[in-house]
Amino acid sequence: MPELPEVETIVRDLQPIIPGKTIVNVQVLRPNIIKGRADAFTSGLIGATFDSISRRGKNIVAHMNTDCVLAVNLGMTGRLALDNGNFTLTHPAVYFQLDSGNSLIYDDVRRFGTLQIFGVTEWQERSKTLGPEPLSADYKSSDLYEKIAISSSPVRSWLLNQKNLAGVGNIYANEALHLSGIHPRRVSSNLTETEAKQLHQALQDVLLSAILNRGTTLRNYRDASGRHGKNKSYLRVYGRHGQACFKCSRLVERIVFSNRSAFFCPGCQR
């Protein structure tokens, strides 16, 4: 599913284009992806102008000039793209017709994503339920260590909890743990301060690298122009079970816990 780098890539694609555009019509083809009443969603956005577009965790966040916020969570297979005639969207759910003449389209194969309108204060309260942004300059390794040191969860599970850290999903949790040499089932509170510092750095490294590579396309993810992300070929362990570790040549293994696959190298992550 799209994680921080994929959402950040889409946001960066749209930032030079969307602000200043006005929504002249909204067509909801799949009402089940709208949180709340579809008619209220439509009437609340028609005539509104995009002030800004940004990211919070795994959410695309559009602030409108009407003091409302449109939050788009891509779920597992969601895509937000500007219709430029260069690609085909196969499962469109919502069309936002813009005054520029083209449309911003939300497309979702499995329709696990959600679109919702918030008031500004309401969105601020929702945002507070999410953990810190791992790429924020204000987020230090000491912050990670302080929280992880009091948790009895496996460290991979701790990383996936959006209340602990916003935007990190299974792909980049596995990648960061491999880079920092930490087994995914290690109890979080057993990590030393040095290991927490290494994990903090590894998280930033893998996330920034994935953004540079425009995200990881395993199946459905596309950027705002319909292009695949290029980060798959840079993955160290995720999805590589049975293949040699790039660092020590031991075979990458896959285990399942908390109903999610975890990938690790038994040589590098004891």
C-alpha atoms as a PDB file:
ATOM      1  CA  MET A   1       0.000   0.000   0.000  1.00  0.00           C
ATOM      2  CA  PRO A   2       1.199   3.570  -0.518  1.00  0.00           C
ATOM      3  CA  GLU A   3       3.388   4.752   2.330  1.00  0.00           C
ATOM      4  CA  LEU A   4       5.117   8.039   3.108  1.00  0.00           C
ATOM      5  CA  PRO A   5       7.393   8.113   0.016  1.00  0.00           C
ATOM      6  CA  GLU A   6       4.577   7.303  -2.412  1.00  0.00           C
ATOM      7  CA  VAL A   7       2.225   9.892  -0.921  1.00  0.00           C
ATOM      8  CA  GLU A   8       5.022  12.463  -0.764  1.00  0.00           C
ATOM      9  CA  THR A   9       5.816  11.851  -4.447  1.00  0.00           C
ATOM     10  CA  ILE A  10       2.209  12.470  -5.473  1.00  0.00           C
ATOM     11  CA  VAL A  11       2.020  15.598  -3.322  1.00  0.00           C
ATOM     12  CA  ARG A  12       5.216  17.004  -4.825  1.00  0.00           C
ATOM     13  CA  ASP A  13       3.866  16.299  -8.301  1.00  0.00           C
ATOM     14  CA  LEU A  14       0.659  18.212  -7.557  1.00  0.00           C
ATOM     15  CA  GLN A  15       2.105  21.142  -5.588  1.00  0.00           C
ATOM     16  CA  PRO A  16       3.156  23.175  -8.649  1.00  0.00           C
ATOM     17  CA  ILE A  17      -0.178  22.544 -10.385  1.00  0.00           C
ATOM     18  CA  ILE A  18      -3.131  22.359  -7.992  1.00  0.00           C
ATOM     19  CA  PRO A  19      -2.940  25.443  -5.703  1.00  0.00           C
ATOM     20  CA  GLY A  20      -5.040  28.248  -7.143  1.00  0.00           C
ATOM     21  CA  LYS A  21      -7.292  25.893  -9.108  1.00  0.00           C
ATOM     22  CA  THR A  22     -11.014  25.975  -8.380  1.00  0.00           C
ATOM     23  CA  ILE A  23     -13.285  22.930  -8.331  1.00  0.00           C
ATOM     24  CA  VAL A  24     -16.214  23.601 -10.664  1.00  0.00           C
ATOM     25  CA  ASN A  25     -17.840  20.179 -10.409  1.00  0.00           C
ATOM     26  CA  VAL A  26     -17.499  16.950  -8.431  1.00  0.00           C
ATOM     27  CA  GLN A  27     -18.657  13.579  -9.732  1.00  0.00           C
ATOM     28  CA  VAL A  28     -18.742  10.728  -7.229  1.00  0.00           C
ATOM     29  CA  LEU A  29     -18.856   7.349  -8.983  1.00  0.00           C
ATOM     30  CA  ARG A  30     -18.123   5.236  -5.892  1.00  0.00           C
ATOM     31  CA  PRO A  31     -19.918   6.724  -2.858  1.00  0.00           C
ATOM     32  CA  ASN A  32     -18.515   4.048  -0.520  1.00  0.00           C
ATOM     33  CA  ILE A  33     -15.095   5.692  -0.514  1.00  0.00           C
ATOM     34  CA  ILE A  34     -16.540   8.976   0.799  1.00  0.00           C
ATOM     35  CA  LYS A  35     -16.544   9.380   4.593  1.00  0.00           C
ATOM     36  CA  GLY A  36     -19.846  11.034   5.378  1.00  0.00           C
ATOM     37  CA  ARG A  37     -22.669  11.887   2.981  1.00  0.00           C
ATOM     38  CA  ALA A  38     -21.671  12.057  -0.675  1.00  0.00           C
ATOM     39  CA  ASP A  39     -24.003  14.975  -1.381  1.00  0.00           C
ATOM     40  CA  ALA A  40     -22.479  17.012   1.465  1.00  0.00           C
ATOM     41  CA  PHE A  41     -19.015  16.121   0.182  1.00  0.00           C
ATOM     42  CA  THR A  42     -19.908  17.343  -3.299  1.00  0.00           C
ATOM     43  CA  SER A  43     -21.624  20.565  -2.242  1.00  0.00           C
ATOM     44  CA  GLY A  44     -18.822  21.339   0.198  1.00  0.00           C
ATOM     45  CA  LEU A  45     -16.183  21.320  -2.531  1.00  0.00           C
ATOM     46  CA  ILE A  46     -17.871  22.812  -5.598  1.00  0.00           C
ATOM     47  CA  GLY A  47     -16.666  26.388  -5.914  1.00  0.00           C
ATOM     48  CA  ALA A  48     -13.764  25.876  -3.483  1.00  0.00           C
ATOM     49  CA  THR A  49     -10.209  26.804  -4.497  1.00  0.00           C
ATOM     50  CA  PHE A  50      -7.118  24.863  -3.476  1.00  0.00           C
ATOM     51  CA  ASP A  51      -4.921  26.973  -1.202  1.00  0.00           C
ATOM     52  CA  SER A  52      -2.282  24.300  -0.647  1.00  0.00           C
ATOM     53  CA  ILE A  53      -1.608  20.588  -0.873  1.00  0.00           C
ATOM     54  CA  SER A  54       0.617  18.700   1.542  1.00  0.00           C
ATOM     55  CA  ARG A  55       1.106  15.381   3.311  1.00  0.00           C
ATOM     56  CA  ARG A  56       0.436  14.189   6.860  1.00  0.00           C
ATOM     57  CA  GLY A  57       1.481  10.587   7.426  1.00  0.00           C
ATOM     58  CA  LYS A  58      -0.077   8.589   4.601  1.00  0.00           C
ATOM     59  CA  ASN A  59      -2.697  11.287   3.875  1.00  0.00           C
ATOM     60  CA  ILE A  60      -2.805  13.820   1.065  1.00  0.00           C
ATOM     61  CA  VAL A  61      -4.089  17.021   2.669  1.00  0.00           C
ATOM     62  CA  ALA A  62      -5.614  19.836   0.611  1.00  0.00           C
ATOM     63  CA  HIS A  63      -6.463  23.097   2.375  1.00  0.00           C
ATOM     64  CA  MET A  64      -9.245  24.970   0.585  1.00  0.00           C
ATOM     65  CA  ASN A  65     -10.060  28.688   0.624  1.00  0.00           C
ATOM     66  CA  THR A  66     -13.413  27.867   2.229  1.00  0.00           C
ATOM     67  CA  ASP A  67     -11.766  26.949   5.552  1.00  0.00           C
ATOM     68  CA  CYS A  68     -12.205  23.252   4.941  1.00  0.00           C
ATOM     69  CA  VAL A  69      -9.664  20.487   4.442  1.00  0.00           C
ATOM     70  CA  LEU A  70      -9.920  17.639   1.943  1.00  0.00           C
ATOM     71  CA  ALA A  71      -8.034  14.597   3.243  1.00  0.00           C
ATOM     72  CA  VAL A  72      -7.306  11.713   0.882  1.00  0.00           C
ATOM     73  CA  ASN A  73      -6.081   8.396   2.248  1.00  0.00           C
ATOM     74  CA  LEU A  74      -4.998   6.123  -0.601  1.00  0.00           C
ATOM     75  CA  GLY A  75      -5.696   2.900   1.292  1.00  0.00           C
ATOM     76  CA  MET A  76      -4.104  -0.063  -0.472  1.00  0.00           C
ATOM     77  CA  THR A  77      -4.516   0.776  -4.143  1.00  0.00           C
ATOM     78  CA  GLY A  78      -5.640   4.405  -4.360  1.00  0.00           C
ATOM     79  CA  ARG A  79      -4.230   6.905  -6.858  1.00  0.00           C
ATOM     80  CA  LEU A  80      -4.707  10.653  -7.165  1.00  0.00           C
ATOM     81  CA  ALA A  81      -3.802  11.855 -10.622  1.00  0.00           C
ATOM     82  CA  LEU A  82      -4.236  14.831 -12.877  1.00  0.00           C
ATOM     83  CA  ASP A  83      -5.898  13.860 -16.146  1.00  0.00           C
ATOM     84  CA  ASN A  84      -3.387  14.791 -18.826  1.00  0.00           C
ATOM     85  CA  GLY A  85      -4.508  12.358 -21.520  1.00  0.00           C
ATOM     86  CA  ASN A  86      -1.291  10.352 -21.295  1.00  0.00           C
ATOM     87  CA  PHE A  87      -2.603   7.363 -19.321  1.00  0.00           C
ATOM     88  CA  THR A  88      -5.789   5.500 -18.487  1.00  0.00           C
ATOM     89  CA  LEU A  89      -7.339   5.245 -15.038  1.00  0.00           C
ATOM     90  CA  THR A  90      -9.128   1.909 -14.777  1.00  0.00           C
ATOM     91  CA  HIS A  91     -11.182   2.317 -11.597  1.00  0.00           C
ATOM     92  CA  PRO A  92     -12.100   6.006 -11.213  1.00  0.00           C
ATOM     93  CA  ALA A  93     -14.086   6.777  -8.068  1.00  0.00           C
ATOM     94  CA  VAL A  94     -14.230  10.591  -7.925  1.00  0.00           C
ATOM     95  CA  TYR A  95     -13.707  13.281 -10.555  1.00  0.00           C
ATOM     96  CA  PHE A  96     -12.857  16.829  -9.492  1.00  0.00           C
ATOM     97  CA  GLN A  97     -13.361  19.039 -12.546  1.00  0.00           C
ATOM     98  CA  LEU A  98     -11.115  22.097 -12.320  1.00  0.00           C
ATOM     99  CA  ASP A  99     -11.509  25.557 -13.803  1.00  0.00           C
ATOM    100  CA  SER A 100      -8.338  24.899 -15.814  1.00  0.00           C
ATOM    101  CA  GLY A 101     -10.342  22.473 -17.947  1.00  0.00           C
ATOM    102  CA  ASN A 102      -8.790  19.217 -16.745  1.00  0.00           C
ATOM    103  CA  SER A 103      -9.725  16.967 -13.865  1.00  0.00           C
ATOM    104  CA  LEU A 104      -8.126  15.670 -10.701  1.00  0.00           C
ATOM    105  CA  ILE A 105      -9.164  12.024 -10.422  1.00  0.00           C
ATOM    106  CA  TYR A 106      -9.195   9.635  -7.494  1.00  0.00           C
ATOM    107  CA  ASP A 107      -8.837   6.062  -8.786  1.00  0.00           C
ATOM    108  CA  ASP A 108      -8.918   2.946  -6.574  1.00  0.00           C
ATOM    109  CA  VAL A 109      -8.950  -0.690  -7.669  1.00  0.00           C
ATOM    110  CA  ARG A 110      -9.956  -2.170  -4.307  1.00  0.00           C
ATOM    111  CA  ARG A 111     -11.663   0.955  -2.928  1.00  0.00           C
ATOM    112  CA  PHE A 112     -10.121   0.754   0.558  1.00  0.00           C
ATOM    113  CA  GLY A 113      -9.091   4.411   0.366  1.00  0.00           C
ATOM    114  CA  THR A 114     -11.155   7.257   1.809  1.00  0.00           C
ATOM    115  CA  LEU A 115     -11.907  10.886   0.984  1.00  0.00           C
ATOM    116  CA  GLN A 116     -13.244  13.163   3.688  1.00  0.00           C
ATOM    117  CA  ILE A 117     -13.901  16.858   4.314  1.00  0.00           C
ATOM    118  CA  PHE A 118     -12.873  18.319   7.663  1.00  0.00           C
ATOM    119  CA  GLY A 119     -13.183  21.725   9.214  1.00  0.00           C
ATOM    120  CA  VAL A 120      -9.759  23.256   9.872  1.00  0.00           C
ATOM    121  CA  THR A 121      -9.951  22.748  13.633  1.00  0.00           C
ATOM    122  CA  GLU A 122     -11.401  19.258  13.157  1.00  0.00           C
ATOM    123  CA  TRP A 123      -8.469  18.313  10.913  1.00  0.00           C
ATOM    124  CA  GLN A 124      -5.972  19.706  13.414  1.00  0.00           C
ATOM    125  CA  GLU A 125      -7.459  17.467  16.085  1.00  0.00           C
ATOM    126  CA  ARG A 126      -7.341  14.461  13.757  1.00  0.00           C
ATOM    127  CA  SER A 127      -3.727  15.236  12.888  1.00  0.00           C
ATOM    128  CA  LYS A 128      -2.824  15.200  16.586  1.00  0.00           C
ATOM    129  CA  THR A 129      -3.821  11.523  16.767  1.00  0.00           C
ATOM    130  CA  LEU A 130      -0.947  10.682  14.411  1.00  0.00           C
ATOM    131  CA  GLY A 131       2.624  10.282  15.553  1.00  0.00           C
ATOM    132  CA  PRO A 132       5.530  12.522  14.577  1.00  0.00           C
ATOM    133  CA  GLU A 133       6.781  12.795  11.020  1.00  0.00           C
ATOM    134  CA  PRO A 134       9.983  10.701  10.726  1.00  0.00           C
ATOM    135  CA  LEU A 135      11.561  13.166   8.279  1.00  0.00           C
ATOM    136  CA  SER A 136      10.818  16.243  10.360  1.00  0.00           C
ATOM    137  CA  ALA A 137      13.862  18.198  11.510  1.00  0.00           C
ATOM    138  CA  ASP A 138      12.233  18.273  14.953  1.00  0.00           C
ATOM    139  CA  TYR A 139      12.115  14.474  15.219  1.00  0.00           C
ATOM    140  CA  LYS A 140      15.311  13.312  16.928  1.00  0.00           C
ATOM    141  CA  SER A 141      16.676   9.862  17.711  1.00  0.00           C
ATOM    142  CA  SER A 142      16.122  10.671  21.392  1.00  0.00           C
ATOM    143  CA  ASP A 143      12.401  11.086  20.673  1.00  0.00           C
ATOM    144  CA  LEU A 144      12.268   7.637  19.080  1.00  0.00           C
ATOM    145  CA  TYR A 145      14.226   6.057  21.946  1.00  0.00           C
ATOM    146  CA  GLU A 146      12.051   7.660  24.607  1.00  0.00           C
ATOM    147  CA  LYS A 147       8.885   6.119  23.148  1.00  0.00           C
ATOM    148  CA  ILE A 148      10.246   2.798  21.971  1.00  0.00           C
ATOM    149  CA  ALA A 149      11.903   2.111  25.334  1.00  0.00           C
ATOM    150  CA  ILE A 150       8.532   1.754  27.074  1.00  0.00           C
ATOM    151  CA  SER A 151       6.899  -0.570  24.535  1.00  0.00           C
ATOM    152  CA  SER A 152       6.667  -4.346  24.757  1.00  0.00           C
ATOM    153  CA  SER A 153       5.639  -4.671  21.095  1.00  0.00           C
ATOM    154  CA  PRO A 154       7.899  -6.230  18.458  1.00  0.00           C
ATOM    155  CA  VAL A 155       9.807  -3.357  16.899  1.00  0.00           C
ATOM    156  CA  ARG A 156       8.310  -3.931  13.433  1.00  0.00           C
ATOM    157  CA  SER A 157       4.815  -3.673  14.946  1.00  0.00           C
ATOM    158  CA  TRP A 158       5.796  -0.511  16.820  1.00  0.00           C
ATOM    159  CA  LEU A 159       6.941   1.106  13.589  1.00  0.00           C
ATOM    160  CA  LEU A 160       3.657   0.273  11.835  1.00  0.00           C
ATOM    161  CA  ASN A 161       1.529   1.917  14.520  1.00  0.00           C
ATOM    162  CA  GLN A 162       0.632   5.333  13.098  1.00  0.00           C
ATOM    163  CA  LYS A 163       0.242   6.723  16.610  1.00  0.00           C
ATOM    164  CA  ASN A 164       3.954   6.096  17.141  1.00  0.00           C
ATOM    165  CA  LEU A 165       5.252   7.286  13.787  1.00  0.00           C
ATOM    166  CA  ALA A 166       3.268   8.741  10.892  1.00  0.00           C
ATOM    167  CA  GLY A 167       3.663   7.392   7.378  1.00  0.00           C
ATOM    168  CA  VAL A 168       5.828   4.303   7.869  1.00  0.00           C
ATOM    169  CA  GLY A 169       4.344   1.059   6.528  1.00  0.00           C
ATOM    170  CA  ASN A 170       5.554  -2.498   6.117  1.00  0.00           C
ATOM    171  CA  ILE A 171       7.906  -1.917   3.196  1.00  0.00           C
ATOM    172  CA  TYR A 172      10.004   0.786   4.816  1.00  0.00           C
ATOM    173  CA  ALA A 173       9.819  -0.642   8.328  1.00  0.00           C
ATOM    174  CA  ASN A 174      11.410  -3.849   7.035  1.00  0.00           C
ATOM    175  CA  GLU A 175      13.981  -1.918   5.027  1.00  0.00           C
ATOM    176  CA  ALA A 176      14.976   0.335   7.938  1.00  0.00           C
ATOM    177  CA  LEU A 177      15.293  -2.600  10.319  1.00  0.00           C
ATOM    178  CA  HIS A 178      17.593  -4.402   7.911  1.00  0.00           C
ATOM    179  CA  LEU A 179      19.726  -1.314   7.386  1.00  0.00           C
ATOM    180  CA  SER A 180      20.063  -0.844  11.140  1.00  0.00           C
ATOM    181  CA  GLY A 181      20.719  -4.563  11.801  1.00  0.00           C
ATOM    182  CA  ILE A 182      17.678  -5.089  14.035  1.00  0.00           C
ATOM    183  CA  HIS A 183      15.505  -8.214  13.875  1.00  0.00           C
ATOM    184  CA  PRO A 184      11.822  -7.337  13.228  1.00  0.00           C
ATOM    185  CA  ARG A 185      10.655  -9.409  16.220  1.00  0.00           C
ATOM    186  CA  ARG A 186      12.972  -7.772  18.739  1.00  0.00           C
ATOM    187  CA  VAL A 187      11.005  -6.419  21.678  1.00  0.00           C
ATOM    188  CA  SER A 188      11.038  -2.649  21.308  1.00  0.00           C
ATOM    189  CA  SER A 189      12.086  -1.954  24.884  1.00  0.00           C
ATOM    190  CA  ASN A 190      15.157  -4.180  24.420  1.00  0.00           C
ATOM    191  CA  LEU A 191      16.719  -1.796  21.917  1.00  0.00           C
ATOM    192  CA  THR A 192      19.669   0.142  23.231  1.00  0.00           C
ATOM    193  CA  GLU A 193      19.969   3.875  22.827  1.00  0.00           C
ATOM    194  CA  THR A 194      22.640   3.272  20.169  1.00  0.00           C
ATOM    195  CA  GLU A 195      20.348   0.918  18.249  1.00  0.00           C
ATOM    196  CA  ALA A 196      17.520   3.456  18.440  1.00  0.00           C
ATOM    197  CA  LYS A 197      19.865   6.061  16.978  1.00  0.00           C
ATOM    198  CA  GLN A 198      20.805   3.669  14.162  1.00  0.00           C
ATOM    199  CA  LEU A 199      17.134   2.914  13.482  1.00  0.00           C
ATOM    200  CA  HIS A 200      16.284   6.616  13.411  1.00  0.00           C
ATOM    201  CA  GLN A 201      19.006   7.227  10.827  1.00  0.00           C
ATOM    202  CA  ALA A 202      17.998   4.150   8.814  1.00  0.00           C
ATOM    203  CA  LEU A 203      14.370   5.309   8.671  1.00  0.00           C
ATOM    204  CA  GLN A 204      15.399   8.669   7.306  1.00  0.00           C
ATOM    205  CA  ASP A 205      17.809   7.095   4.808  1.00  0.00           C
ATOM    206  CA  VAL A 206      15.329   4.598   3.335  1.00  0.00           C
ATOM    207  CA  LEU A 207      12.471   7.120   3.201  1.00  0.00           C
ATOM    208  CA  LEU A 208      14.530   9.833   1.543  1.00  0.00           C
ATOM    209  CA  SER A 209      15.997   7.341  -0.924  1.00  0.00           C
ATOM    210  CA  ALA A 210      12.522   6.060  -1.834  1.00  0.00           C
ATOM    211  CA  ILE A 211      11.271   9.610  -2.388  1.00  0.00           C
ATOM    212  CA  LEU A 212      14.265  10.251  -4.646  1.00  0.00           C
ATOM    213  CA  ASN A 213      13.294   7.097  -6.569  1.00  0.00           C
ATOM    214  CA  ARG A 214       9.652   8.282  -6.755  1.00  0.00           C
ATOM    215  CA  GLY A 215       8.239   5.507  -4.591  1.00  0.00           C
ATOM    216  CA  THR A 216       7.955   1.731  -4.775  1.00  0.00           C
ATOM    217  CA  THR A 217       5.647   0.178  -7.355  1.00  0.00           C
ATOM    218  CA  LEU A 218       4.940  -3.453  -6.519  1.00  0.00           C
ATOM    219  CA  ARG A 219       1.640  -3.598  -8.396  1.00  0.00           C
ATOM    220  CA  ASN A 220      -0.777  -0.665  -8.348  1.00  0.00           C
ATOM    221  CA  TYR A 221       1.093   2.434  -7.227  1.00  0.00           C
ATOM    222  CA  ARG A 222       1.530   5.223  -9.784  1.00  0.00           C
ATOM    223  CA  ASP A 223       2.559   8.837  -9.327  1.00  0.00           C
ATOM    224  CA  ALA A 224       0.333  11.787 -10.264  1.00  0.00           C
ATOM    225  CA  SER A 225       1.342  11.426 -13.910  1.00  0.00           C
ATOM    226  CA  GLY A 226       0.633   7.690 -14.081  1.00  0.00           C
ATOM    227  CA  ARG A 227       4.273   6.597 -13.902  1.00  0.00           C
ATOM    228  CA  HIS A 228       5.699   3.680 -11.914  1.00  0.00           C
ATOM    229  CA  GLY A 229       7.952   4.323  -8.947  1.00  0.00           C
ATOM    230  CA  LYS A 230      11.537   3.132  -9.387  1.00  0.00           C
ATOM    231  CA  ASN A 231      12.408   2.101  -5.841  1.00  0.00           C
ATOM    232  CA  LYS A 232      11.575  -1.618  -6.103  1.00  0.00           C
ATOM    233  CA  SER A 233      15.011  -2.466  -7.493  1.00  0.00           C
ATOM    234  CA  TYR A 234      16.617  -0.782  -4.454  1.00  0.00           C
ATOM    235  CA  LEU A 235      14.791  -2.862  -1.818  1.00  0.00           C
ATOM    236  CA  ARG A 236      17.193  -4.839   0.358  1.00  0.00           C
ATOM    237  CA  VAL A 237      14.855  -7.381   1.968  1.00  0.00           C
ATOM    238  CA  TYR A 238      11.191  -6.602   1.346  1.00  0.00           C
ATOM    239  CA  GLY A 239       9.738  -9.223  -1.021  1.00  0.00           C
ATOM    240  CA  ARG A 240      13.197 -10.825  -1.496  1.00  0.00           C
ATOM    241  CA  HIS A 241      12.775 -13.990   0.613  1.00  0.00           C
ATOM    242  CA  GLY A 242      14.884 -16.825  -0.738  1.00  0.00           C
ATOM    243  CA  GLN A 243      17.301 -14.401  -2.394  1.00  0.00           C
ATOM    244  CA  ALA A 244      20.802 -13.521  -1.226  1.00  0.00           C
ATOM    245  CA  CYS A 245      21.312 -10.584   1.111  1.00  0.00           C
ATOM    246  CA  PHE A 246      23.292  -7.891  -0.671  1.00  0.00           C
ATOM    247  CA  LYS A 247      25.473  -7.414   2.406  1.00  0.00           C
ATOM    248  CA  CYS A 248      26.333 -10.926   3.668  1.00  0.00           C
ATOM    249  CA  SER A 249      24.901 -13.300   1.004  1.00  0.00           C
ATOM    250  CA  ARG A 250      22.735 -15.225   3.498  1.00  0.00           C
ATOM    251  CA  LEU A 251      19.255 -15.934   2.143  1.00  0.00           C
ATOM    252  CA  VAL A 252      16.573 -13.428   3.108  1.00  0.00           C
ATOM    253  CA  GLU A 253      13.804 -15.029   5.177  1.00  0.00           C
ATOM    254  CA  ARG A 254      10.104 -14.282   5.561  1.00  0.00           C
ATOM    255  CA  ILE A 255       8.063 -14.709   8.738  1.00  0.00           C
ATOM    256  CA  VAL A 256       4.493 -13.740   9.549  1.00  0.00           C
ATOM    257  CA  PHE A 257       3.355 -12.124  12.772  1.00  0.00           C
ATOM    258  CA  SER A 258       0.536  -9.728  13.582  1.00  0.00           C
ATOM    259  CA  ASN A 259      -0.949 -10.903  10.253  1.00  0.00           C
ATOM    260  CA  ARG A 260       1.821  -9.178   8.287  1.00  0.00           C
ATOM    261  CA  SER A 261       4.866 -10.572   6.506  1.00  0.00           C
ATOM    262  CA  ALA A 262       8.263  -9.495   7.772  1.00  0.00           C
ATOM    263  CA  PHE A 263      11.469  -9.897   5.786  1.00  0.00           C
ATOM    264  CA  PHE A 264      14.937 -10.054   7.312  1.00  0.00           C
ATOM    265  CA  CYS A 265      18.439 -11.411   6.874  1.00  0.00           C
ATOM    266  CA  PRO A 266      19.373 -13.978   9.531  1.00  0.00           C
ATOM    267  CA  GLY A 267      23.009 -12.978   9.188  1.00  0.00           C
ATOM    268  CA  CYS A 268      22.628  -9.214   9.494  1.00  0.00           C
ATOM    269  CA  GLN A 269      19.633  -9.159  11.868  1.00  0.00           C
ATOM    270  CA  ARG A 270      20.187 -11.659  14.662  1.00  0.00           C
END
